[in-house]
């Protein structure tokens, strides 16, 4: 059981999406809570009016709401009654049991899933502001309900499959060698669930260590518009080589939507990693600042890799991959003084080192 949470400024848009699925025969409205009528008597207009009635408690919020997608395993067969019970338990666990919400069971995918549309306006007029801890709470709650109701885990992955693909380390991918998909799969299984990162760029800084990159497509491309994601092998220069593999073809399902949920979850667990990484860098710079290459070497001895990405506009971005603590930070997100230009300014220049060596040699000649 997995839940995806998406705050929305237009509850009408979320309702229209689900009602359109109903009209197409791809979904059915199975549950409504905190309405004046029972689910089977509610019309689309009455649902929207109820949501907007709640919004009158704070006119600034207008149609603010939350759109949940609760997904179950591919082999899961759930009656509507059991699904309604799960929905109520999930909403109560999220503290939303007293809010008007409506649930739609969709049948247009390869697995059972439910969409829940709820208002995000409290009776006090305050707005429910979802924070990282709320997304973490959702993950924990889903695991509890999985166990309590005997649901499938990992979206229907069998125990044999989990054993087959379970790895705690991976080798660098070498394009041209047999078993490319399995090699990339090993890298993803090593990284995706076990490292802390909060953006695709930070994830790619980690994957680069294994000669792999995730490609969401160029802005405006079809791949980018549909939110797709491809995984490529890369060569020693960081250039993509060979035929890419769709994210959905891997057992782990590291799609962009799933990764974005992980970005949010990881954000809540960053501070300890941030402090430890910045402390390690400061120790490497302490005293007489090293030159750039010496800093790189000193950090690598501690399992920290400096990764520089060159963007299309020729600008450069600095990332740190800490293999010891299994995390990645873009320099500017780590704190002040860790962006590429700032960090280089804190290092001793090559010219300064050359001058000092020349001066010491001259002093020796005079002794």
Protein backbone atom coordinates (compact mmCIF):
# COMPACT_ATOMS: atom_id res chain seq x y z
CA UNK A 1 0.00 0.00 0.00
CA UNK A 2 1.38 3.35 -1.04
CA UNK A 3 -0.21 6.79 -0.84
CA UNK A 4 0.69 9.80 -2.96
CA UNK A 5 -0.39 13.19 -1.68
CA UNK A 6 -0.87 16.25 -3.86
CA UNK A 7 -2.18 19.55 -2.45
CA UNK A 8 -4.29 21.42 -5.02
CA UNK A 9 -5.59 24.96 -5.36
CA UNK A 10 -8.48 23.72 -7.49
CA UNK A 11 -10.61 21.06 -5.85
CA UNK A 12 -12.90 21.41 -8.87
CA UNK A 13 -10.11 20.18 -11.14
CA UNK A 14 -9.50 17.12 -8.93
CA UNK A 15 -13.25 16.33 -8.86
CA UNK A 16 -13.60 16.81 -12.60
CA UNK A 17 -10.72 14.38 -13.21
CA UNK A 18 -12.36 11.63 -11.15
CA UNK A 19 -15.88 12.24 -12.40
CA UNK A 20 -14.61 12.07 -15.97
CA UNK A 21 -13.14 8.65 -15.19
CA UNK A 22 -16.56 7.61 -13.86
CA UNK A 23 -18.31 8.77 -17.04
CA UNK A 24 -15.78 6.80 -19.10
CA UNK A 25 -16.49 3.66 -17.10
CA UNK A 26 -12.95 3.65 -15.70
CA UNK A 27 -13.87 4.47 -12.10
CA UNK A 28 -16.71 4.40 -9.59
CA UNK A 29 -17.48 6.62 -6.60
CA UNK A 30 -17.48 4.23 -3.66
CA UNK A 31 -17.41 6.44 -0.57
CA UNK A 32 -18.19 9.92 0.74
CA UNK A 33 -17.77 11.07 4.31
CA UNK A 34 -19.09 14.11 6.21
CA UNK A 35 -21.74 15.00 3.65
CA UNK A 36 -25.44 15.58 4.31
CA UNK A 37 -26.42 12.65 2.07
CA UNK A 38 -25.19 9.09 1.63
CA UNK A 39 -22.67 8.37 -1.09
CA UNK A 40 -25.17 6.81 -3.53
CA UNK A 41 -27.44 9.87 -3.31
CA UNK A 42 -24.78 12.54 -3.80
CA UNK A 43 -24.55 14.40 -7.10
CA UNK A 44 -21.46 16.10 -8.51
CA UNK A 45 -22.99 19.50 -7.84
CA UNK A 46 -23.73 18.65 -4.20
CA UNK A 47 -20.18 17.40 -3.64
CA UNK A 48 -18.70 20.61 -5.01
CA UNK A 49 -21.14 22.76 -3.03
CA UNK A 50 -20.14 20.98 0.20
CA UNK A 51 -16.46 21.60 -0.46
CA UNK A 52 -17.10 25.24 -1.31
CA UNK A 53 -19.28 25.64 1.78
CA UNK A 54 -16.23 24.63 3.85
CA UNK A 55 -14.10 27.11 1.87
CA UNK A 56 -16.35 29.99 3.00
CA UNK A 57 -14.67 29.71 6.40
CA UNK A 58 -11.66 31.33 4.72
CA UNK A 59 -12.42 33.06 1.42
CA UNK A 60 -8.74 33.49 0.64
CA UNK A 61 -8.36 29.71 0.27
CA UNK A 62 -11.32 29.43 -2.13
CA UNK A 63 -11.09 25.90 -3.66
CA UNK A 64 -8.04 24.59 -1.78
CA UNK A 65 -7.95 20.83 -1.32
CA UNK A 66 -5.86 17.67 -1.21
CA UNK A 67 -5.86 14.91 -3.84
CA UNK A 68 -4.71 11.50 -2.57
CA UNK A 69 -3.88 8.44 -4.66
CA UNK A 70 -3.80 5.24 -2.59
CA UNK A 71 -2.27 2.31 -4.46
CA UNK A 72 -2.42 -1.40 -3.69
CA UNK A 73 -0.56 -4.43 -4.99
CA UNK A 74 -1.08 -5.82 -8.50
CA UNK A 75 -2.41 -9.08 -7.09
CA UNK A 76 -4.61 -7.40 -4.47
CA UNK A 77 -8.32 -8.17 -4.72
CA UNK A 78 -10.28 -5.89 -2.37
CA UNK A 79 -14.02 -5.60 -1.91
CA UNK A 80 -15.49 -2.12 -1.83
CA UNK A 81 -16.35 -2.65 1.84
CA UNK A 82 -12.75 -3.46 2.78
CA UNK A 83 -11.47 -0.60 0.66
CA UNK A 84 -13.83 1.86 2.37
CA UNK A 85 -12.61 0.66 5.76
CA UNK A 86 -8.99 1.17 4.67
CA UNK A 87 -9.82 4.64 3.36
CA UNK A 88 -11.47 5.64 6.65
CA UNK A 89 -8.54 4.28 8.66
CA UNK A 90 -6.03 6.10 6.46
CA UNK A 91 -7.88 9.44 6.62
CA UNK A 92 -8.26 9.11 10.40
CA UNK A 93 -4.56 8.36 10.71
CA UNK A 94 -3.81 11.53 8.76
CA UNK A 95 -6.13 13.52 11.05
CA UNK A 96 -8.71 14.17 8.32
CA UNK A 97 -11.60 12.01 9.47
CA UNK A 98 -13.80 15.07 10.20
CA UNK A 99 -13.21 16.68 6.82
CA UNK A 100 -15.54 16.19 3.86
CA UNK A 101 -13.92 13.77 1.42
CA UNK A 102 -15.02 11.58 -1.46
CA UNK A 103 -13.29 8.42 -2.76
CA UNK A 104 -13.19 6.94 -6.27
CA UNK A 105 -12.06 3.41 -7.10
CA UNK A 106 -10.19 3.38 -10.44
CA UNK A 107 -9.88 0.34 -12.70
CA UNK A 108 -7.81 1.79 -15.54
CA UNK A 109 -4.40 0.57 -14.40
CA UNK A 110 -2.68 -2.72 -13.75
CA UNK A 111 -3.23 -2.45 -10.01
CA UNK A 112 -6.03 -1.49 -7.64
CA UNK A 113 -5.99 2.15 -6.62
CA UNK A 114 -8.28 4.76 -5.09
CA UNK A 115 -8.34 8.52 -5.49
CA UNK A 116 -9.53 10.60 -2.53
CA UNK A 117 -10.47 14.27 -2.85
CA UNK A 118 -10.69 16.24 0.41
CA UNK A 119 -10.99 19.86 1.42
CA UNK A 120 -7.94 21.32 3.15
CA UNK A 121 -9.88 24.02 5.04
CA UNK A 122 -10.49 23.41 8.73
CA UNK A 123 -13.70 24.47 10.49
CA UNK A 124 -11.59 27.19 12.13
CA UNK A 125 -10.83 28.61 8.70
CA UNK A 126 -7.17 27.63 8.92
CA UNK A 127 -5.56 25.74 6.07
CA UNK A 128 -3.97 22.32 6.44
CA UNK A 129 -0.35 22.94 5.46
CA UNK A 130 1.29 19.62 4.70
CA UNK A 131 4.88 19.44 5.92
CA UNK A 132 7.58 16.82 5.36
CA UNK A 133 6.64 15.09 8.61
CA UNK A 134 3.11 14.55 7.26
CA UNK A 135 4.45 12.68 4.24
CA UNK A 136 6.61 10.57 6.53
CA UNK A 137 3.52 9.91 8.71
CA UNK A 138 1.68 8.72 5.58
CA UNK A 139 4.41 6.21 4.74
CA UNK A 140 4.45 4.83 8.29
CA UNK A 141 0.65 4.65 8.33
CA UNK A 142 0.56 2.72 5.05
CA UNK A 143 3.02 0.18 6.43
CA UNK A 144 0.91 -0.24 9.57
CA UNK A 145 -2.24 -0.81 7.53
CA UNK A 146 -0.39 -3.27 5.27
CA UNK A 147 0.50 -5.34 8.27
CA UNK A 148 -2.87 -5.03 10.00
CA UNK A 149 -4.93 -5.96 6.93
CA UNK A 150 -2.46 -8.47 5.47
CA UNK A 151 -1.93 -6.46 2.30
CA UNK A 152 0.75 -7.06 -0.31
CA UNK A 153 3.97 -5.16 0.05
CA UNK A 154 6.13 -3.60 -2.68
CA UNK A 155 3.17 -3.48 -5.06
CA UNK A 156 2.83 -7.24 -5.46
CA UNK A 157 6.52 -8.15 -5.72
CA UNK A 158 6.97 -11.78 -4.74
CA UNK A 159 9.44 -12.92 -2.12
CA UNK A 160 11.41 -14.76 -4.81
CA UNK A 161 11.70 -11.60 -6.87
CA UNK A 162 12.84 -9.58 -3.87
CA UNK A 163 15.54 -12.16 -3.13
CA UNK A 164 16.61 -12.27 -6.75
CA UNK A 165 17.07 -8.53 -7.05
CA UNK A 166 18.20 -7.79 -3.49
CA UNK A 167 21.67 -6.20 -3.45
CA UNK A 168 23.50 -4.05 -0.91
CA UNK A 169 26.22 -2.91 -3.31
CA UNK A 170 26.74 -2.60 -7.05
CA UNK A 171 29.58 -2.41 -9.55
CA UNK A 172 30.05 0.40 -12.04
CA UNK A 173 28.06 -0.21 -15.18
CA UNK A 174 30.23 -0.92 -18.20
CA UNK A 175 28.42 -0.40 -21.48
CA UNK A 176 29.00 -3.25 -23.93
CA UNK A 177 29.14 -5.94 -21.30
CA UNK A 178 26.19 -8.39 -21.18
CA UNK A 179 23.36 -7.88 -18.69
CA UNK A 180 23.05 -4.08 -18.96
CA UNK A 181 19.52 -3.94 -17.53
CA UNK A 182 20.48 -6.12 -14.56
CA UNK A 183 23.61 -4.03 -13.94
CA UNK A 184 21.57 -0.79 -13.91
CA UNK A 185 18.94 -2.51 -11.76
CA UNK A 186 21.62 -3.42 -9.19
CA UNK A 187 22.72 0.23 -9.08
CA UNK A 188 19.15 1.47 -8.60
CA UNK A 189 18.48 -1.10 -5.86
CA UNK A 190 21.68 0.03 -4.14
CA UNK A 191 20.92 3.75 -4.34
CA UNK A 192 17.23 4.63 -4.62
CA UNK A 193 15.98 3.27 -1.29
CA UNK A 194 19.21 3.67 0.67
CA UNK A 195 20.57 7.17 -0.08
CA UNK A 196 19.18 10.52 1.00
CA UNK A 197 18.62 13.00 -1.87
CA UNK A 198 15.94 15.60 -2.56
CA UNK A 199 16.13 16.23 -6.30
CA UNK A 200 16.81 14.38 -9.53
CA UNK A 201 20.10 16.26 -9.85
CA UNK A 202 21.26 15.05 -6.43
CA UNK A 203 20.21 11.50 -7.32
CA UNK A 204 22.13 11.74 -10.59
CA UNK A 205 25.24 12.88 -8.71
CA UNK A 206 25.09 9.54 -6.86
CA UNK A 207 24.22 7.46 -9.93
CA UNK A 208 27.12 9.04 -11.82
CA UNK A 209 29.50 7.16 -9.50
CA UNK A 210 28.13 3.96 -11.04
CA UNK A 211 28.08 5.21 -14.68
CA UNK A 212 24.30 5.61 -14.70
CA UNK A 213 22.05 8.64 -15.18
CA UNK A 214 18.31 9.33 -15.03
CA UNK A 215 16.98 11.38 -17.94
CA UNK A 216 13.60 13.19 -17.70
CA UNK A 217 13.93 14.52 -21.27
CA UNK A 218 14.59 18.00 -22.59
CA UNK A 219 12.14 20.71 -21.59
CA UNK A 220 9.24 20.66 -24.04
CA UNK A 221 9.99 17.13 -25.25
CA UNK A 222 7.26 14.48 -25.24
CA UNK A 223 9.09 12.53 -22.52
CA UNK A 224 9.24 15.62 -20.34
CA UNK A 225 5.62 16.57 -20.94
CA UNK A 226 4.30 13.16 -19.86
CA UNK A 227 6.58 13.01 -16.78
CA UNK A 228 8.56 10.05 -18.09
CA UNK A 229 12.01 8.95 -16.99
CA UNK A 230 14.71 6.94 -18.79
CA UNK A 231 17.84 5.39 -17.32
CA UNK A 232 21.04 5.41 -19.40
CA UNK A 233 24.51 3.99 -19.07
CA UNK A 234 27.15 6.74 -19.34
CA UNK A 235 30.81 6.66 -20.36
CA UNK A 236 33.81 8.08 -18.50
CA UNK A 237 33.01 11.54 -19.88
CA UNK A 238 29.46 11.42 -18.56
CA UNK A 239 27.93 11.06 -22.03
CA UNK A 240 24.90 8.81 -22.45
CA UNK A 241 25.58 5.65 -24.44
CA UNK A 242 23.40 2.87 -25.78
CA UNK A 243 19.65 2.35 -25.63
CA UNK A 244 17.90 3.80 -22.54
CA UNK A 245 15.58 1.75 -20.33
CA UNK A 246 12.19 3.01 -19.10
CA UNK A 247 11.88 3.47 -15.35
CA UNK A 248 8.66 1.42 -15.32
CA UNK A 249 10.52 -1.66 -16.62
CA UNK A 250 12.57 -2.02 -13.44
CA UNK A 251 11.17 -4.03 -10.56
CA UNK A 252 11.80 -1.12 -8.17
CA UNK A 253 9.66 1.22 -10.32
CA UNK A 254 11.93 4.28 -9.89
CA UNK A 255 9.61 6.50 -11.94
CA UNK A 256 9.67 10.27 -11.65
CA UNK A 257 6.40 10.31 -9.66
CA UNK A 258 7.73 7.76 -7.17
CA UNK A 259 11.05 9.61 -6.88
CA UNK A 260 9.30 12.93 -6.25
CA UNK A 261 7.52 11.37 -3.30
CA UNK A 262 10.88 10.15 -2.00
CA UNK A 263 12.39 13.65 -2.44
CA UNK A 264 9.78 14.95 0.01
CA UNK A 265 10.26 12.10 2.47
CA UNK A 266 14.04 12.51 2.43
CA UNK A 267 13.75 16.24 3.14
CA UNK A 268 12.57 15.44 6.67
CA UNK A 269 15.73 13.46 7.43
CA UNK A 270 18.44 15.85 6.19
CA UNK A 271 19.76 17.78 9.16
CA UNK A 272 22.03 15.13 10.67
CA UNK A 273 23.53 14.37 7.25
CA UNK A 274 23.92 18.09 6.53
CA UNK A 275 25.80 18.73 9.77
CA UNK A 276 28.12 15.75 9.37
CA UNK A 277 28.95 16.54 5.75
CA UNK A 278 29.59 20.26 6.32
CA UNK A 279 31.75 19.40 9.36
CA UNK A 280 33.86 17.02 7.26
CA UNK A 281 34.39 19.71 4.62
CA UNK A 282 35.29 22.31 7.24
CA UNK A 283 37.84 19.94 8.78
CA UNK A 284 39.41 19.46 5.35
CA UNK A 285 39.65 23.25 4.98
CA UNK A 286 40.81 23.91 8.55
CA UNK A 287 44.14 25.54 9.22
CA UNK A 288 46.02 26.31 6.05
CA UNK A 289 43.47 25.85 3.26
CA UNK A 290 44.51 23.18 0.74
CA UNK A 291 44.45 23.68 -2.99
CA UNK A 292 41.52 22.38 -5.01
CA UNK A 293 43.00 18.97 -5.85
CA UNK A 294 44.22 18.40 -2.30
CA UNK A 295 40.73 19.18 -0.99
CA UNK A 296 39.27 16.67 -3.43
CA UNK A 297 41.78 14.01 -2.34
CA UNK A 298 41.22 14.64 1.36
CA UNK A 299 37.45 14.35 1.01
CA UNK A 300 37.69 11.19 -1.09
CA UNK A 301 39.65 9.56 1.72
CA UNK A 302 36.56 10.15 3.87
CA UNK A 303 34.23 8.69 1.23
CA UNK A 304 33.02 12.11 0.05
CA UNK A 305 33.04 12.72 -3.70
CA UNK A 306 32.90 16.18 -5.28
CA UNK A 307 30.80 16.16 -8.46
CA UNK A 308 30.70 19.13 -10.84
CA UNK A 309 27.91 19.32 -13.42
CA UNK A 310 28.20 21.58 -16.45
CA UNK A 311 24.84 22.98 -17.53
CA UNK A 312 23.78 23.88 -21.07
CA UNK A 313 24.43 27.57 -20.40
CA UNK A 314 28.02 26.63 -19.43
CA UNK A 315 27.43 27.35 -15.74
CA UNK A 316 28.71 24.83 -13.20
CA UNK A 317 27.01 23.28 -10.16
CA UNK A 318 28.74 21.56 -7.26
CA UNK A 319 27.41 18.42 -5.59
CA UNK A 320 28.78 16.36 -2.70
CA UNK A 321 28.13 12.61 -2.49
CA UNK A 322 28.84 11.19 0.96
CA UNK A 323 29.02 7.41 0.58
CA UNK A 324 29.70 6.93 4.29
CA UNK A 325 26.40 8.52 5.35
CA UNK A 326 24.65 7.65 2.07
CA UNK A 327 23.51 11.12 1.09
CA UNK A 328 23.97 13.78 -1.59
CA UNK A 329 23.74 17.57 -1.35
CA UNK A 330 24.02 20.28 -3.94
CA UNK A 331 26.61 22.72 -2.59
CA UNK A 332 24.25 25.69 -2.40
CA UNK A 333 21.74 23.55 -0.46
CA UNK A 334 24.40 22.44 2.00
CA UNK A 335 24.92 25.98 3.26
CA UNK A 336 26.76 29.21 2.66
CA UNK A 337 30.29 28.75 1.33
CA UNK A 338 29.76 25.41 -0.43
CA UNK A 339 28.70 26.47 -3.92
CA UNK A 340 31.42 25.90 -6.53
CA UNK A 341 32.75 29.47 -6.78
CA UNK A 342 32.55 30.00 -3.02
CA UNK A 343 34.43 26.81 -2.29
CA UNK A 344 37.15 27.56 -4.84
CA UNK A 345 37.65 30.96 -3.26
CA UNK A 346 38.26 29.26 0.08
CA UNK A 347 41.04 27.12 -1.38
CA UNK A 348 44.63 28.20 -1.85
CA UNK A 349 45.26 29.02 -5.53
CA UNK A 350 47.86 27.15 -7.59
CA UNK A 351 49.70 30.45 -8.16
CA UNK A 352 49.94 31.06 -4.41
CA UNK A 353 51.35 27.56 -3.86
CA UNK A 354 53.94 28.06 -6.64
CA UNK A 355 55.02 31.37 -5.09
CA UNK A 356 55.42 29.81 -1.65
CA UNK A 357 57.49 26.91 -3.02
CA UNK A 358 59.73 29.36 -4.91
CA UNK A 359 60.16 31.48 -1.78
CA UNK A 360 61.11 28.45 0.35
CA UNK A 361 63.66 27.33 -2.23
CA UNK A 362 65.25 30.78 -2.23
CA UNK A 363 65.43 30.75 1.55
CA UNK A 364 67.21 27.38 1.50
CA UNK A 365 69.80 28.76 -0.93
CA UNK A 366 70.65 31.54 1.51
CA UNK A 367 71.15 29.17 4.47
